[in-house]
């Protein structure tokens, strides 16, 4: 970063990309982001999957310089960032599975080595020394045709360009004429994720629009099908069945026992209490106690009674009479 004054500066990148505008204080219209051609620094990576700068399968290299999107239009160039990227064709081994309706697509390995005699202008660009775990078909070549490489290089050169401007006074970030510039600027805070989305989109296009003439799709792996299995816990079923069986047996035993002893289940007849009457003597005593709290208990108290049927067949509660003709004494006993 070179300062031309206390408020203005120029930010430059190794590939020659530059931005000039306000630093520190002050805000006005200026370029805040720029895409340039790149400086080959990407190919210095020690990642074994990285290709060389002159690889025939290289599509494009480019760099981004400026302020990440999402920051205010008044953000000075002091907060600028820089990144270099590259796009190239490669082979991918993928582990694809579907479980419970959910698709899982995992990249297992990546291969980028091509025939040294390949050129991107006159011959097919063919991948060589492909590892066995890629499950390639024997005797078949994998690569790109010369016209495909030429078209992709021309497209990238024409479209992966552009810049983004902002006016700090108005507080506006202007969109670019290039979708790639807008996309990279908006995601410049995490340029790695943006590159992953871009390459995934290009990969899906190749997978959908490949001119593969093979009639059969070759896959190697394991196919598993699921089915509904009903597991019966016999211990729990036996327990429930035993309870029901014991209840039925008990009911049958009680029915037989009641029938043999001649017992009549009068207490189970809900209409019987409605048809009953009370002893006249007890009813007369109770008449004077219904107008005061506790009057019935005070006047009548606990009276032993017994069920009797009169000549008309009406059943009533009558005061119990001893064999000598006297009434039973009042005790705390009810029947």
C-alpha atoms as a PDB file:
ATOM      1  CA  UNK A   1       0.000   0.000   0.000  1.00  0.00           C
ATOM      2  CA  UNK A   2       1.398   3.350  -1.041  1.00  0.00           C
ATOM      3  CA  UNK A   3      -0.012   6.566   0.381  1.00  0.00           C
ATOM      4  CA  UNK A   4      -0.087   9.592  -1.883  1.00  0.00           C
ATOM      5  CA  UNK A   5      -1.496  11.770   0.919  1.00  0.00           C
ATOM      6  CA  UNK A   6      -2.879  11.410   4.414  1.00  0.00           C
ATOM      7  CA  UNK A   7      -6.275  10.405   3.027  1.00  0.00           C
ATOM      8  CA  UNK A   8      -5.477   8.768  -0.345  1.00  0.00           C
ATOM      9  CA  UNK A   9      -3.527   5.619  -1.160  1.00  0.00           C
ATOM     10  CA  UNK A  10      -2.910   3.000  -3.836  1.00  0.00           C
ATOM     11  CA  UNK A  11      -3.263  -0.727  -3.082  1.00  0.00           C
ATOM     12  CA  UNK A  12      -1.412  -3.073  -5.467  1.00  0.00           C
ATOM     13  CA  UNK A  13      -1.191  -6.865  -5.896  1.00  0.00           C
ATOM     14  CA  UNK A  14       1.718  -9.001  -7.268  1.00  0.00           C
ATOM     15  CA  UNK A  15      -0.056  -9.461 -10.604  1.00  0.00           C
ATOM     16  CA  UNK A  16      -0.269  -5.714 -11.137  1.00  0.00           C
ATOM     17  CA  UNK A  17      -3.853  -5.235  -9.977  1.00  0.00           C
ATOM     18  CA  UNK A  18      -4.321  -1.904  -8.236  1.00  0.00           C
ATOM     19  CA  UNK A  19      -6.957   0.118  -6.440  1.00  0.00           C
ATOM     20  CA  UNK A  20      -6.721   3.794  -5.611  1.00  0.00           C
ATOM     21  CA  UNK A  21      -8.983   5.691  -3.266  1.00  0.00           C
ATOM     22  CA  UNK A  22      -9.455   6.812   0.295  1.00  0.00           C
ATOM     23  CA  UNK A  23      -7.565   5.379   3.238  1.00  0.00           C
ATOM     24  CA  UNK A  24      -8.065   6.181   6.864  1.00  0.00           C
ATOM     25  CA  UNK A  25     -10.479   9.115   6.554  1.00  0.00           C
ATOM     26  CA  UNK A  26     -12.600  10.583   3.817  1.00  0.00           C
ATOM     27  CA  UNK A  27     -15.051   8.880   1.480  1.00  0.00           C
ATOM     28  CA  UNK A  28     -16.193   9.432  -2.081  1.00  0.00           C
ATOM     29  CA  UNK A  29     -16.717   7.423  -5.247  1.00  0.00           C
ATOM     30  CA  UNK A  30     -13.951   4.860  -5.882  1.00  0.00           C
ATOM     31  CA  UNK A  31     -13.308   1.284  -7.018  1.00  0.00           C
ATOM     32  CA  UNK A  32     -13.502  -1.013  -3.990  1.00  0.00           C
ATOM     33  CA  UNK A  33     -12.930  -4.388  -5.689  1.00  0.00           C
ATOM     34  CA  UNK A  34     -11.167  -5.633  -8.809  1.00  0.00           C
ATOM     35  CA  UNK A  35     -10.600  -8.979 -10.574  1.00  0.00           C
ATOM     36  CA  UNK A  36      -7.300  -9.343 -12.433  1.00  0.00           C
ATOM     37  CA  UNK A  37      -5.386 -12.068 -14.324  1.00  0.00           C
ATOM     38  CA  UNK A  38      -3.327 -13.467 -11.448  1.00  0.00           C
ATOM     39  CA  UNK A  39       0.427 -13.778 -10.909  1.00  0.00           C
ATOM     40  CA  UNK A  40       0.975 -17.598 -10.950  1.00  0.00           C
ATOM     41  CA  UNK A  41       1.412 -17.559  -7.168  1.00  0.00           C
ATOM     42  CA  UNK A  42      -1.376 -20.138  -6.901  1.00  0.00           C
ATOM     43  CA  UNK A  43       0.767 -22.766  -8.629  1.00  0.00           C
ATOM     44  CA  UNK A  44       3.453 -22.468  -5.934  1.00  0.00           C
ATOM     45  CA  UNK A  45       1.205 -24.454  -3.587  1.00  0.00           C
ATOM     46  CA  UNK A  46       2.685 -27.668  -2.164  1.00  0.00           C
ATOM     47  CA  UNK A  47      -0.675 -29.448  -2.426  1.00  0.00           C
ATOM     48  CA  UNK A  48      -0.061 -32.618  -4.525  1.00  0.00           C
ATOM     49  CA  UNK A  49      -3.348 -32.029  -6.334  1.00  0.00           C
ATOM     50  CA  UNK A  50      -2.095 -28.672  -7.653  1.00  0.00           C
ATOM     51  CA  UNK A  51      -1.255 -28.479 -11.360  1.00  0.00           C
ATOM     52  CA  UNK A  52       1.442 -26.449 -13.078  1.00  0.00           C
ATOM     53  CA  UNK A  53       0.907 -23.050 -14.633  1.00  0.00           C
ATOM     54  CA  UNK A  54       1.347 -24.479 -18.151  1.00  0.00           C
ATOM     55  CA  UNK A  55      -0.884 -27.556 -17.629  1.00  0.00           C
ATOM     56  CA  UNK A  56      -3.116 -28.235 -20.674  1.00  0.00           C
ATOM     57  CA  UNK A  57      -6.167 -28.777 -18.438  1.00  0.00           C
ATOM     58  CA  UNK A  58      -5.915 -25.288 -16.884  1.00  0.00           C
ATOM     59  CA  UNK A  59      -9.035 -23.206 -17.547  1.00  0.00           C
ATOM     60  CA  UNK A  60      -8.140 -19.907 -15.905  1.00  0.00           C
ATOM     61  CA  UNK A  61      -6.269 -18.204 -13.121  1.00  0.00           C
ATOM     62  CA  UNK A  62      -7.355 -14.902 -11.641  1.00  0.00           C
ATOM     63  CA  UNK A  63      -6.985 -12.762  -8.542  1.00  0.00           C
ATOM     64  CA  UNK A  64      -9.258 -10.588  -6.448  1.00  0.00           C
ATOM     65  CA  UNK A  65      -8.249  -7.405  -4.652  1.00  0.00           C
ATOM     66  CA  UNK A  66     -10.364  -5.090  -2.539  1.00  0.00           C
ATOM     67  CA  UNK A  67     -12.876  -4.731   0.267  1.00  0.00           C
ATOM     68  CA  UNK A  68     -15.171  -7.718   0.986  1.00  0.00           C
ATOM     69  CA  UNK A  69     -18.855  -7.303   0.237  1.00  0.00           C
ATOM     70  CA  UNK A  70     -21.200  -6.625   3.105  1.00  0.00           C
ATOM     71  CA  UNK A  71     -18.983  -3.887   4.527  1.00  0.00           C
ATOM     72  CA  UNK A  72     -20.268  -0.276   4.492  1.00  0.00           C
ATOM     73  CA  UNK A  73     -19.675   1.882   1.421  1.00  0.00           C
ATOM     74  CA  UNK A  74     -17.575   4.189   3.599  1.00  0.00           C
ATOM     75  CA  UNK A  75     -15.026   1.441   4.367  1.00  0.00           C
ATOM     76  CA  UNK A  76     -11.529   2.702   3.427  1.00  0.00           C
ATOM     77  CA  UNK A  77      -9.002   0.721   1.388  1.00  0.00           C
ATOM     78  CA  UNK A  78      -7.054  -0.011   4.579  1.00  0.00           C
ATOM     79  CA  UNK A  79      -9.330  -3.073   4.994  1.00  0.00           C
ATOM     80  CA  UNK A  80      -8.513  -4.503   1.552  1.00  0.00           C
ATOM     81  CA  UNK A  81      -7.781  -8.197   1.045  1.00  0.00           C
ATOM     82  CA  UNK A  82      -6.251 -10.173  -1.810  1.00  0.00           C
ATOM     83  CA  UNK A  83      -6.684 -13.737  -3.079  1.00  0.00           C
ATOM     84  CA  UNK A  84      -5.498 -15.737  -6.094  1.00  0.00           C
ATOM     85  CA  UNK A  85      -7.512 -18.583  -7.607  1.00  0.00           C
ATOM     86  CA  UNK A  86      -7.265 -21.121 -10.425  1.00  0.00           C
ATOM     87  CA  UNK A  87      -9.729 -23.342 -12.293  1.00  0.00           C
ATOM     88  CA  UNK A  88      -8.803 -26.565 -14.075  1.00  0.00           C
ATOM     89  CA  UNK A  89     -10.355 -29.846 -15.186  1.00  0.00           C
ATOM     90  CA  UNK A  90      -9.769 -32.890 -12.988  1.00  0.00           C
ATOM     91  CA  UNK A  91     -11.184 -36.339 -12.277  1.00  0.00           C
ATOM     92  CA  UNK A  92     -13.026 -37.002  -9.044  1.00  0.00           C
ATOM     93  CA  UNK A  93     -13.799 -40.279  -7.307  1.00  0.00           C
ATOM     94  CA  UNK A  94     -17.027 -39.868  -5.382  1.00  0.00           C
ATOM     95  CA  UNK A  95     -18.801 -41.930  -2.762  1.00  0.00           C
ATOM     96  CA  UNK A  96     -22.522 -41.473  -3.382  1.00  0.00           C
ATOM     97  CA  UNK A  97     -25.163 -43.050  -1.176  1.00  0.00           C
ATOM     98  CA  UNK A  98     -28.853 -42.636  -0.415  1.00  0.00           C
ATOM     99  CA  UNK A  99     -30.033 -43.496   3.069  1.00  0.00           C
ATOM    100  CA  UNK A 100     -33.584 -42.889   4.263  1.00  0.00           C
ATOM    101  CA  UNK A 101     -34.164 -40.645   1.269  1.00  0.00           C
ATOM    102  CA  UNK A 102     -31.121 -38.463   2.032  1.00  0.00           C
ATOM    103  CA  UNK A 103     -28.456 -38.161  -0.688  1.00  0.00           C
ATOM    104  CA  UNK A 104     -24.821 -38.130   0.439  1.00  0.00           C
ATOM    105  CA  UNK A 105     -22.181 -37.175  -2.141  1.00  0.00           C
ATOM    106  CA  UNK A 106     -18.610 -37.278  -0.839  1.00  0.00           C
ATOM    107  CA  UNK A 107     -15.453 -36.597  -2.870  1.00  0.00           C
ATOM    108  CA  UNK A 108     -13.035 -39.428  -2.102  1.00  0.00           C
ATOM    109  CA  UNK A 109     -10.088 -38.489  -4.340  1.00  0.00           C
ATOM    110  CA  UNK A 110      -9.059 -35.983  -7.030  1.00  0.00           C
ATOM    111  CA  UNK A 111      -6.727 -36.578  -9.994  1.00  0.00           C
ATOM    112  CA  UNK A 112      -5.318 -33.909 -12.328  1.00  0.00           C
ATOM    113  CA  UNK A 113      -2.374 -35.532 -14.180  1.00  0.00           C
ATOM    114  CA  UNK A 114      -2.759 -35.359 -17.986  1.00  0.00           C
ATOM    115  CA  UNK A 115      -0.741 -36.587 -20.951  1.00  0.00           C
ATOM    116  CA  UNK A 116       2.344 -34.402 -21.411  1.00  0.00           C
ATOM    117  CA  UNK A 117       1.718 -34.390 -25.147  1.00  0.00           C
ATOM    118  CA  UNK A 118      -1.759 -32.951 -24.648  1.00  0.00           C
ATOM    119  CA  UNK A 119      -2.450 -29.440 -25.855  1.00  0.00           C
ATOM    120  CA  UNK A 120      -5.450 -27.278 -25.241  1.00  0.00           C
ATOM    121  CA  UNK A 121      -5.575 -26.151 -28.887  1.00  0.00           C
ATOM    122  CA  UNK A 122      -5.051 -29.157 -31.121  1.00  0.00           C
ATOM    123  CA  UNK A 123      -5.346 -32.510 -29.314  1.00  0.00           C
ATOM    124  CA  UNK A 124      -7.504 -34.111 -26.675  1.00  0.00           C
ATOM    125  CA  UNK A 125      -6.460 -33.424 -23.101  1.00  0.00           C
ATOM    126  CA  UNK A 126      -6.372 -36.945 -21.633  1.00  0.00           C
ATOM    127  CA  UNK A 127      -5.900 -37.967 -18.013  1.00  0.00           C
ATOM    128  CA  UNK A 128      -3.192 -40.583 -17.413  1.00  0.00           C
ATOM    129  CA  UNK A 129      -2.038 -42.866 -14.571  1.00  0.00           C
ATOM    130  CA  UNK A 130      -5.512 -42.809 -13.040  1.00  0.00           C
ATOM    131  CA  UNK A 131      -5.552 -44.711  -9.705  1.00  0.00           C
ATOM    132  CA  UNK A 132      -7.568 -47.918  -9.430  1.00  0.00           C
ATOM    133  CA  UNK A 133      -9.938 -46.481  -6.820  1.00  0.00           C
ATOM    134  CA  UNK A 134     -11.466 -44.269  -9.536  1.00  0.00           C
ATOM    135  CA  UNK A 135     -13.110 -47.381 -11.068  1.00  0.00           C
ATOM    136  CA  UNK A 136     -12.468 -46.238 -14.624  1.00  0.00           C
ATOM    137  CA  UNK A 137     -13.560 -48.460 -17.489  1.00  0.00           C
ATOM    138  CA  UNK A 138     -10.742 -50.500 -19.041  1.00  0.00           C
ATOM    139  CA  UNK A 139      -9.646 -49.339 -22.483  1.00  0.00           C
ATOM    140  CA  UNK A 140     -11.514 -46.059 -22.261  1.00  0.00           C
ATOM    141  CA  UNK A 141      -9.924 -42.583 -22.281  1.00  0.00           C
ATOM    142  CA  UNK A 142     -11.008 -39.816 -19.957  1.00  0.00           C
ATOM    143  CA  UNK A 143     -10.396 -36.210 -20.842  1.00  0.00           C
ATOM    144  CA  UNK A 144     -11.547 -33.146 -22.761  1.00  0.00           C
ATOM    145  CA  UNK A 145     -11.614 -32.361 -26.456  1.00  0.00           C
ATOM    146  CA  UNK A 146      -9.650 -29.403 -27.879  1.00  0.00           C
ATOM    147  CA  UNK A 147     -12.753 -27.392 -28.702  1.00  0.00           C
ATOM    148  CA  UNK A 148     -14.052 -27.836 -25.164  1.00  0.00           C
ATOM    149  CA  UNK A 149     -10.824 -26.511 -23.684  1.00  0.00           C
ATOM    150  CA  UNK A 150     -10.729 -23.609 -26.133  1.00  0.00           C
ATOM    151  CA  UNK A 151     -14.327 -22.646 -25.379  1.00  0.00           C
ATOM    152  CA  UNK A 152     -13.850 -22.787 -21.604  1.00  0.00           C
ATOM    153  CA  UNK A 153     -10.643 -20.736 -21.723  1.00  0.00           C
ATOM    154  CA  UNK A 154     -12.294 -18.112 -23.911  1.00  0.00           C
ATOM    155  CA  UNK A 155     -15.371 -17.969 -21.674  1.00  0.00           C
ATOM    156  CA  UNK A 156     -13.301 -17.543 -18.501  1.00  0.00           C
ATOM    157  CA  UNK A 157     -11.088 -14.886 -20.071  1.00  0.00           C
ATOM    158  CA  UNK A 158     -14.116 -12.908 -21.210  1.00  0.00           C
ATOM    159  CA  UNK A 159     -16.310 -13.235 -18.113  1.00  0.00           C
ATOM    160  CA  UNK A 160     -14.120 -13.621 -15.018  1.00  0.00           C
ATOM    161  CA  UNK A 161     -13.228  -9.920 -15.025  1.00  0.00           C
ATOM    162  CA  UNK A 162     -14.662  -6.680 -13.726  1.00  0.00           C
ATOM    163  CA  UNK A 163     -14.672  -4.347 -10.757  1.00  0.00           C
ATOM    164  CA  UNK A 164     -17.068  -3.043  -8.125  1.00  0.00           C
ATOM    165  CA  UNK A 165     -17.413   0.609  -7.132  1.00  0.00           C
ATOM    166  CA  UNK A 166     -18.871   2.420  -4.138  1.00  0.00           C
ATOM    167  CA  UNK A 167     -19.751   5.977  -3.195  1.00  0.00           C
ATOM    168  CA  UNK A 168     -19.124   6.607   0.471  1.00  0.00           C
ATOM    169  CA  UNK A 169     -20.866   9.976   0.399  1.00  0.00           C
ATOM    170  CA  UNK A 170     -24.093   8.421  -0.880  1.00  0.00           C
ATOM    171  CA  UNK A 171     -23.546   5.173   1.031  1.00  0.00           C
ATOM    172  CA  UNK A 172     -24.100   3.059  -2.090  1.00  0.00           C
ATOM    173  CA  UNK A 173     -22.184   0.035  -3.417  1.00  0.00           C
ATOM    174  CA  UNK A 174     -22.736  -0.178  -7.177  1.00  0.00           C
ATOM    175  CA  UNK A 175     -23.180  -3.522  -8.910  1.00  0.00           C
ATOM    176  CA  UNK A 176     -20.756  -4.587 -11.598  1.00  0.00           C
ATOM    177  CA  UNK A 177     -21.429  -5.506 -15.205  1.00  0.00           C
ATOM    178  CA  UNK A 178     -19.783  -8.866 -14.448  1.00  0.00           C
ATOM    179  CA  UNK A 179     -21.707 -11.473 -12.394  1.00  0.00           C
ATOM    180  CA  UNK A 180     -18.382 -13.057 -11.430  1.00  0.00           C
ATOM    181  CA  UNK A 181     -17.091  -9.757 -10.018  1.00  0.00           C
ATOM    182  CA  UNK A 182     -20.287  -9.264  -8.007  1.00  0.00           C
ATOM    183  CA  UNK A 183     -20.245 -12.855  -6.771  1.00  0.00           C
ATOM    184  CA  UNK A 184     -16.604 -12.860  -5.746  1.00  0.00           C
ATOM    185  CA  UNK A 185     -16.937  -9.434  -4.106  1.00  0.00           C
ATOM    186  CA  UNK A 186     -20.015 -10.511  -2.128  1.00  0.00           C
ATOM    187  CA  UNK A 187     -18.195 -13.646  -0.861  1.00  0.00           C
ATOM    188  CA  UNK A 188     -14.692 -12.201  -0.571  1.00  0.00           C
ATOM    189  CA  UNK A 189     -14.834 -12.603   3.192  1.00  0.00           C
ATOM    190  CA  UNK A 190     -14.764 -16.388   2.575  1.00  0.00           C
ATOM    191  CA  UNK A 191     -13.409 -16.766  -0.948  1.00  0.00           C
ATOM    192  CA  UNK A 192     -12.742 -20.485  -0.395  1.00  0.00           C
ATOM    193  CA  UNK A 193     -16.469 -21.211  -0.035  1.00  0.00           C
ATOM    194  CA  UNK A 194     -17.214 -19.134  -3.134  1.00  0.00           C
ATOM    195  CA  UNK A 195     -14.713 -21.166  -5.173  1.00  0.00           C
ATOM    196  CA  UNK A 196     -16.253 -24.405  -3.890  1.00  0.00           C
ATOM    197  CA  UNK A 197     -19.709 -23.307  -5.053  1.00  0.00           C
ATOM    198  CA  UNK A 198     -18.345 -22.156  -8.434  1.00  0.00           C
ATOM    199  CA  UNK A 199     -16.472 -25.403  -9.108  1.00  0.00           C
ATOM    200  CA  UNK A 200     -19.429 -27.500  -7.905  1.00  0.00           C
ATOM    201  CA  UNK A 201     -21.665 -25.690 -10.378  1.00  0.00           C
ATOM    202  CA  UNK A 202     -19.215 -26.307 -13.245  1.00  0.00           C
ATOM    203  CA  UNK A 203     -18.842 -29.962 -12.203  1.00  0.00           C
ATOM    204  CA  UNK A 204     -22.590 -30.530 -12.178  1.00  0.00           C
ATOM    205  CA  UNK A 205     -22.839 -29.027 -15.663  1.00  0.00           C
ATOM    206  CA  UNK A 206     -20.190 -31.447 -16.951  1.00  0.00           C
ATOM    207  CA  UNK A 207     -21.946 -34.404 -15.314  1.00  0.00           C
ATOM    208  CA  UNK A 208     -25.286 -33.445 -16.845  1.00  0.00           C
ATOM    209  CA  UNK A 209     -24.099 -32.481 -20.331  1.00  0.00           C
ATOM    210  CA  UNK A 210     -21.218 -34.892 -20.954  1.00  0.00           C
ATOM    211  CA  UNK A 211     -21.102 -36.440 -24.442  1.00  0.00           C
ATOM    212  CA  UNK A 212     -20.263 -39.881 -23.079  1.00  0.00           C
ATOM    213  CA  UNK A 213     -21.374 -42.512 -25.612  1.00  0.00           C
ATOM    214  CA  UNK A 214     -21.269 -45.451 -23.204  1.00  0.00           C
ATOM    215  CA  UNK A 215     -24.616 -47.209 -23.155  1.00  0.00           C
ATOM    216  CA  UNK A 216     -24.278 -48.552 -19.617  1.00  0.00           C
ATOM    217  CA  UNK A 217     -23.444 -46.669 -16.443  1.00  0.00           C
ATOM    218  CA  UNK A 218     -20.699 -48.443 -14.521  1.00  0.00           C
ATOM    219  CA  UNK A 219     -20.765 -48.385 -10.737  1.00  0.00           C
ATOM    220  CA  UNK A 220     -18.967 -50.406  -8.120  1.00  0.00           C
ATOM    221  CA  UNK A 221     -20.144 -50.537  -4.576  1.00  0.00           C
ATOM    222  CA  UNK A 222     -22.717 -52.008  -2.248  1.00  0.00           C
ATOM    223  CA  UNK A 223     -26.463 -51.713  -2.648  1.00  0.00           C
ATOM    224  CA  UNK A 224     -28.569 -52.155   0.466  1.00  0.00           C
ATOM    225  CA  UNK A 225     -32.348 -52.320   0.596  1.00  0.00           C
ATOM    226  CA  UNK A 226     -34.387 -51.831   3.737  1.00  0.00           C
ATOM    227  CA  UNK A 227     -37.608 -53.571   4.692  1.00  0.00           C
ATOM    228  CA  UNK A 228     -40.047 -53.486   7.581  1.00  0.00           C
ATOM    229  CA  UNK A 229     -39.359 -56.168  10.184  1.00  0.00           C
ATOM    230  CA  UNK A 230     -41.801 -56.886  13.020  1.00  0.00           C
ATOM    231  CA  UNK A 231     -40.104 -58.136  16.183  1.00  0.00           C
ATOM    232  CA  UNK A 232     -42.413 -59.810  18.710  1.00  0.00           C
ATOM    233  CA  UNK A 233     -41.423 -59.689  22.371  1.00  0.00           C
ATOM    234  CA  UNK A 234     -43.095 -62.901  23.523  1.00  0.00           C
ATOM    235  CA  UNK A 235     -42.366 -62.252  27.191  1.00  0.00           C
ATOM    236  CA  UNK A 236     -44.564 -59.145  27.177  1.00  0.00           C
ATOM    237  CA  UNK A 237     -47.344 -60.888  25.233  1.00  0.00           C
ATOM    238  CA  UNK A 238     -47.341 -63.882  27.615  1.00  0.00           C
ATOM    239  CA  UNK A 239     -47.660 -61.518  30.577  1.00  0.00           C
ATOM    240  CA  UNK A 240     -50.721 -59.772  29.099  1.00  0.00           C
ATOM    241  CA  UNK A 241     -52.344 -63.035  28.023  1.00  0.00           C
ATOM    242  CA  UNK A 242     -51.799 -64.521  31.494  1.00  0.00           C
ATOM    243  CA  UNK A 243     -53.523 -61.559  33.175  1.00  0.00           C
ATOM    244  CA  UNK A 244     -56.535 -61.869  30.884  1.00  0.00           C
ATOM    245  CA  UNK A 245     -56.717 -65.656  31.372  1.00  0.00           C
ATOM    246  CA  UNK A 246     -56.538 -65.377  35.179  1.00  0.00           C
ATOM    247  CA  UNK A 247     -59.283 -62.729  35.154  1.00  0.00           C
ATOM    248  CA  UNK A 248     -61.570 -64.919  33.045  1.00  0.00           C
ATOM    249  CA  UNK A 249     -60.933 -67.972  35.253  1.00  0.00           C
ATOM    250  CA  UNK A 250     -61.661 -65.949  38.404  1.00  0.00           C
ATOM    251  CA  UNK A 251     -64.908 -64.669  36.898  1.00  0.00           C
ATOM    252  CA  UNK A 252     -66.050 -68.199  36.012  1.00  0.00           C
ATOM    253  CA  UNK A 253     -65.179 -69.494  39.496  1.00  0.00           C
ATOM    254  CA  UNK A 254     -67.139 -66.692  41.192  1.00  0.00           C
ATOM    255  CA  UNK A 255     -70.160 -67.285  38.956  1.00  0.00           C
ATOM    256  CA  UNK A 256     -70.191 -71.008  39.807  1.00  0.00           C
ATOM    257  CA  UNK A 257     -69.626 -70.414  43.513  1.00  0.00           C
ATOM    258  CA  UNK A 258     -72.447 -67.871  43.707  1.00  0.00           C
ATOM    259  CA  UNK A 259     -74.834 -70.138  41.834  1.00  0.00           C
ATOM    260  CA  UNK A 260     -74.128 -73.191  44.012  1.00  0.00           C
ATOM    261  CA  UNK A 261     -74.632 -71.308  47.301  1.00  0.00           C
ATOM    262  CA  UNK A 262     -77.897 -69.758  46.156  1.00  0.00           C
ATOM    263  CA  UNK A 263     -76.690 -66.208  46.772  1.00  0.00           C
ATOM    264  CA  UNK A 264     -78.626 -63.451  45.076  1.00  0.00           C
ATOM    265  CA  UNK A 265     -76.542 -60.449  44.056  1.00  0.00           C
ATOM    266  CA  UNK A 266     -79.131 -57.903  45.275  1.00  0.00           C
ATOM    267  CA  UNK A 267     -76.534 -55.196  45.894  1.00  0.00           C
ATOM    268  CA  UNK A 268     -75.763 -55.132  42.200  1.00  0.00           C
ATOM    269  CA  UNK A 269     -79.375 -54.226  41.355  1.00  0.00           C
ATOM    270  CA  UNK A 270     -79.468 -50.426  41.016  1.00  0.00           C
ATOM    271  CA  UNK A 271     -83.298 -50.353  41.218  1.00  0.00           C
ATOM    272  CA  UNK A 272     -83.508 -52.090  44.608  1.00  0.00           C
ATOM    273  CA  UNK A 273     -82.723 -49.008  46.826  1.00  0.00           C
ATOM    274  CA  UNK A 274     -85.367 -47.025  44.948  1.00  0.00           C
ATOM    275  CA  UNK A 275     -88.046 -49.550  45.921  1.00  0.00           C
ATOM    276  CA  UNK A 276     -87.088 -49.702  49.606  1.00  0.00           C
ATOM    277  CA  UNK A 277     -88.914 -48.032  52.475  1.00  0.00           C
ATOM    278  CA  UNK A 278     -87.880 -47.096  56.001  1.00  0.00           C
ATOM    279  CA  UNK A 279     -89.315 -48.300  59.313  1.00  0.00           C
ATOM    280  CA  UNK A 280     -92.223 -46.076  60.438  1.00  0.00           C
ATOM    281  CA  UNK A 281     -90.817 -45.577  63.938  1.00  0.00           C
ATOM    282  CA  UNK A 282     -87.433 -44.504  62.631  1.00  0.00           C
ATOM    283  CA  UNK A 283     -89.024 -42.197  60.048  1.00  0.00           C
ATOM    284  CA  UNK A 284     -91.143 -40.482  62.750  1.00  0.00           C
ATOM    285  CA  UNK A 285     -88.075 -39.851  64.897  1.00  0.00           C
ATOM    286  CA  UNK A 286     -86.163 -38.474  61.929  1.00  0.00           C
ATOM    287  CA  UNK A 287     -88.927 -36.046  60.960  1.00  0.00           C
ATOM    288  CA  UNK A 288     -87.979 -33.575  63.664  1.00  0.00           C
ATOM    289  CA  UNK A 289     -84.297 -33.559  62.809  1.00  0.00           C
ATOM    290  CA  UNK A 290     -84.291 -32.647  59.157  1.00  0.00           C
ATOM    291  CA  UNK A 291     -84.522 -28.895  59.863  1.00  0.00           C
ATOM    292  CA  UNK A 292     -81.294 -28.523  61.838  1.00  0.00           C
ATOM    293  CA  UNK A 293     -77.673 -29.521  61.221  1.00  0.00           C
ATOM    294  CA  UNK A 294     -76.902 -32.894  62.805  1.00  0.00           C
ATOM    295  CA  UNK A 295     -80.548 -33.386  63.774  1.00  0.00           C
ATOM    296  CA  UNK A 296     -80.871 -36.860  62.234  1.00  0.00           C
ATOM    297  CA  UNK A 297     -77.784 -38.123  64.023  1.00  0.00           C
ATOM    298  CA  UNK A 298     -78.989 -36.686  67.360  1.00  0.00           C
ATOM    299  CA  UNK A 299     -82.563 -37.996  67.179  1.00  0.00           C
ATOM    300  CA  UNK A 300     -81.999 -41.333  65.442  1.00  0.00           C
ATOM    301  CA  UNK A 301     -78.328 -42.163  65.903  1.00  0.00           C
ATOM    302  CA  UNK A 302     -77.087 -45.628  64.975  1.00  0.00           C
ATOM    303  CA  UNK A 303     -79.965 -48.085  64.641  1.00  0.00           C
ATOM    304  CA  UNK A 304     -79.464 -51.776  63.718  1.00  0.00           C
ATOM    305  CA  UNK A 305     -81.818 -52.609  60.858  1.00  0.00           C
ATOM    306  CA  UNK A 306     -82.704 -55.589  58.759  1.00  0.00           C
ATOM    307  CA  UNK A 307     -84.326 -56.058  55.389  1.00  0.00           C
ATOM    308  CA  UNK A 308     -87.931 -57.196  55.497  1.00  0.00           C
ATOM    309  CA  UNK A 309     -90.655 -57.690  52.960  1.00  0.00           C
ATOM    310  CA  UNK A 310     -94.233 -56.920  53.904  1.00  0.00           C
ATOM    311  CA  UNK A 311     -97.320 -58.693  52.639  1.00  0.00           C
ATOM    312  CA  UNK A 312     -97.445 -56.536  49.531  1.00  0.00           C
ATOM    313  CA  UNK A 313     -93.877 -57.469  48.627  1.00  0.00           C
ATOM    314  CA  UNK A 314     -92.385 -54.059  49.430  1.00  0.00           C
ATOM    315  CA  UNK A 315     -88.901 -54.352  50.889  1.00  0.00           C
ATOM    316  CA  UNK A 316     -88.022 -51.975  53.715  1.00  0.00           C
ATOM    317  CA  UNK A 317     -85.360 -51.355  56.310  1.00  0.00           C
ATOM    318  CA  UNK A 318     -87.005 -52.322  59.629  1.00  0.00           C
ATOM    319  CA  UNK A 319     -85.548 -51.935  63.079  1.00  0.00           C
ATOM    320  CA  UNK A 320     -84.019 -55.207  64.196  1.00  0.00           C
ATOM    321  CA  UNK A 321     -86.123 -57.088  66.810  1.00  0.00           C
ATOM    322  CA  UNK A 322     -84.727 -59.662  69.255  1.00  0.00           C
ATOM    323  CA  UNK A 323     -86.346 -63.027  69.822  1.00  0.00           C
ATOM    324  CA  UNK A 324     -87.900 -61.757  73.071  1.00  0.00           C
ATOM    325  CA  UNK A 325     -89.751 -59.042  71.176  1.00  0.00           C
ATOM    326  CA  UNK A 326     -87.551 -56.123  72.270  1.00  0.00           C
ATOM    327  CA  UNK A 327     -85.593 -53.869  69.968  1.00  0.00           C
ATOM    328  CA  UNK A 328     -81.856 -54.222  69.715  1.00  0.00           C
ATOM    329  CA  UNK A 329     -79.902 -51.580  71.632  1.00  0.00           C
ATOM    330  CA  UNK A 330     -78.382 -48.737  69.675  1.00  0.00           C
ATOM    331  CA  UNK A 331     -74.761 -49.370  68.967  1.00  0.00           C
ATOM    332  CA  UNK A 332     -72.217 -48.097  66.521  1.00  0.00           C
ATOM    333  CA  UNK A 333     -72.981 -50.906  64.126  1.00  0.00           C
ATOM    334  CA  UNK A 334     -74.631 -50.656  60.745  1.00  0.00           C
ATOM    335  CA  UNK A 335     -75.802 -53.362  58.409  1.00  0.00           C
END
